[in-house]
Amino acid sequence: MPFLDRDMLDVTMLLDPEFKLRKAGEKTQFIEKWLLRAAFDTPDEPYLPADVLWRQKEQFSDGAANPNPNTLTLTLTLTLTLTPYPYL
């Protein structure tokens, strides 16, 4: 888990708080982890395509699936329907 890495935490704690704040009116105002994304925004030798790097985050259960109904709801319904144990 890179965000639990001790060195990553140390560097993050040393950052100027201005870099961690949401800036109303800026183009990055609604982008989560924009500073981390900006660090990987290297147009000459990109790590990721720009549309992937700057895309909006999706809920984990809905990101790759049809959001109506979502994967979590389908899994829970199927589990409760097929489970022979009354305590589940």
Protein backbone atom coordinates (compact mmCIF):
# COMPACT_ATOMS: atom_id res chain seq x y z
CA MET A 1 0.00 0.00 0.00
CA PRO A 2 1.92 3.05 -1.21
CA PHE A 3 -0.15 5.53 0.84
CA LEU A 4 0.75 3.68 4.04
CA ASP A 5 4.46 3.70 3.22
CA ARG A 6 6.41 5.52 5.95
CA ASP A 7 8.48 7.55 3.47
CA MET A 8 5.34 8.59 1.59
CA LEU A 9 3.71 9.73 4.84
CA ASP A 10 6.83 11.69 5.85
CA VAL A 11 6.94 13.54 2.52
CA THR A 12 3.22 14.23 2.62
CA MET A 13 3.43 15.70 6.11
CA LEU A 14 6.21 18.06 4.96
CA LEU A 15 4.13 19.48 2.10
CA ASP A 16 2.88 23.03 2.35
CA PRO A 17 -0.79 22.80 3.41
CA GLU A 18 -1.71 25.02 0.44
CA PHE A 19 -0.98 22.06 -1.84
CA LYS A 20 -3.47 19.89 0.05
CA LEU A 21 -6.41 22.30 0.01
CA ARG A 22 -9.30 22.41 -2.44
CA LYS A 23 -9.12 25.64 -4.41
CA ALA A 24 -12.59 26.93 -5.35
CA GLY A 25 -12.64 28.20 -8.91
CA GLU A 26 -9.46 26.41 -10.00
CA LYS A 27 -9.65 23.76 -12.71
CA THR A 28 -8.51 21.19 -10.12
CA GLN A 29 -11.14 22.12 -7.53
CA PHE A 30 -13.10 18.88 -7.82
CA ILE A 31 -10.23 16.49 -8.63
CA GLU A 32 -9.21 14.16 -5.82
CA LYS A 33 -5.48 13.71 -5.20
CA TRP A 34 -4.68 16.41 -7.75
CA LEU A 35 -1.13 16.92 -6.46
CA LEU A 36 -0.31 13.23 -6.90
CA ARG A 37 -1.88 13.30 -10.37
CA ALA A 38 0.13 16.41 -11.27
CA ALA A 39 3.33 14.65 -10.21
CA PHE A 40 2.61 11.98 -12.83
CA ASP A 41 1.56 14.48 -15.51
CA THR A 42 4.66 14.32 -17.69
CA PRO A 43 3.56 15.09 -21.28
CA ASP A 44 6.98 14.30 -22.82
CA GLU A 45 7.13 10.79 -21.32
CA PRO A 46 3.69 10.04 -19.88
CA TYR A 47 3.17 7.32 -17.30
CA LEU A 48 -0.56 7.26 -18.13
CA PRO A 49 -2.69 8.77 -20.89
CA ALA A 50 -4.09 12.16 -19.83
CA ASP A 51 -7.70 10.94 -20.03
CA VAL A 52 -6.87 8.18 -17.53
CA LEU A 53 -4.71 10.35 -15.27
CA TRP A 54 -7.28 13.13 -14.92
CA ARG A 55 -10.55 11.16 -15.09
CA GLN A 56 -13.12 11.46 -12.32
CA LYS A 57 -13.06 8.80 -9.64
CA GLU A 58 -15.94 6.32 -9.62
CA GLN A 59 -17.35 4.27 -6.80
CA PHE A 60 -15.43 1.03 -6.53
CA SER A 61 -18.51 -1.13 -7.09
CA ASP A 62 -19.64 0.91 -10.09
CA GLY A 63 -16.40 1.76 -11.85
CA ALA A 64 -16.33 -1.11 -14.34
CA ALA A 65 -19.89 -2.36 -14.09
CA ASN A 66 -23.35 -1.21 -15.03
CA PRO A 67 -24.28 1.16 -12.20
CA ASN A 68 -27.95 0.20 -12.25
CA PRO A 69 -28.04 -2.05 -10.25
CA ASN A 70 -24.49 -2.02 -8.96
CA THR A 71 -22.26 -5.03 -8.32
CA LEU A 72 -22.55 -4.84 -4.55
CA THR A 73 -26.36 -4.97 -4.65
CA LEU A 74 -26.34 -7.90 -7.07
CA THR A 75 -23.79 -9.82 -5.00
CA LEU A 76 -25.72 -9.30 -1.76
CA THR A 77 -29.04 -10.27 -3.35
CA LEU A 78 -27.58 -13.40 -4.92
CA THR A 79 -25.83 -14.40 -1.68
CA LEU A 80 -28.97 -13.98 0.41
CA THR A 81 -31.03 -15.86 -2.16
CA LEU A 82 -28.69 -18.84 -2.55
CA THR A 83 -27.33 -19.22 0.98
CA PRO A 84 -28.90 -22.13 2.86
CA TYR A 85 -27.87 -20.73 6.24
CA PRO A 86 -30.58 -18.63 7.95
CA TYR A 87 -28.06 -16.64 10.00
CA LEU A 88 -26.45 -15.01 6.93
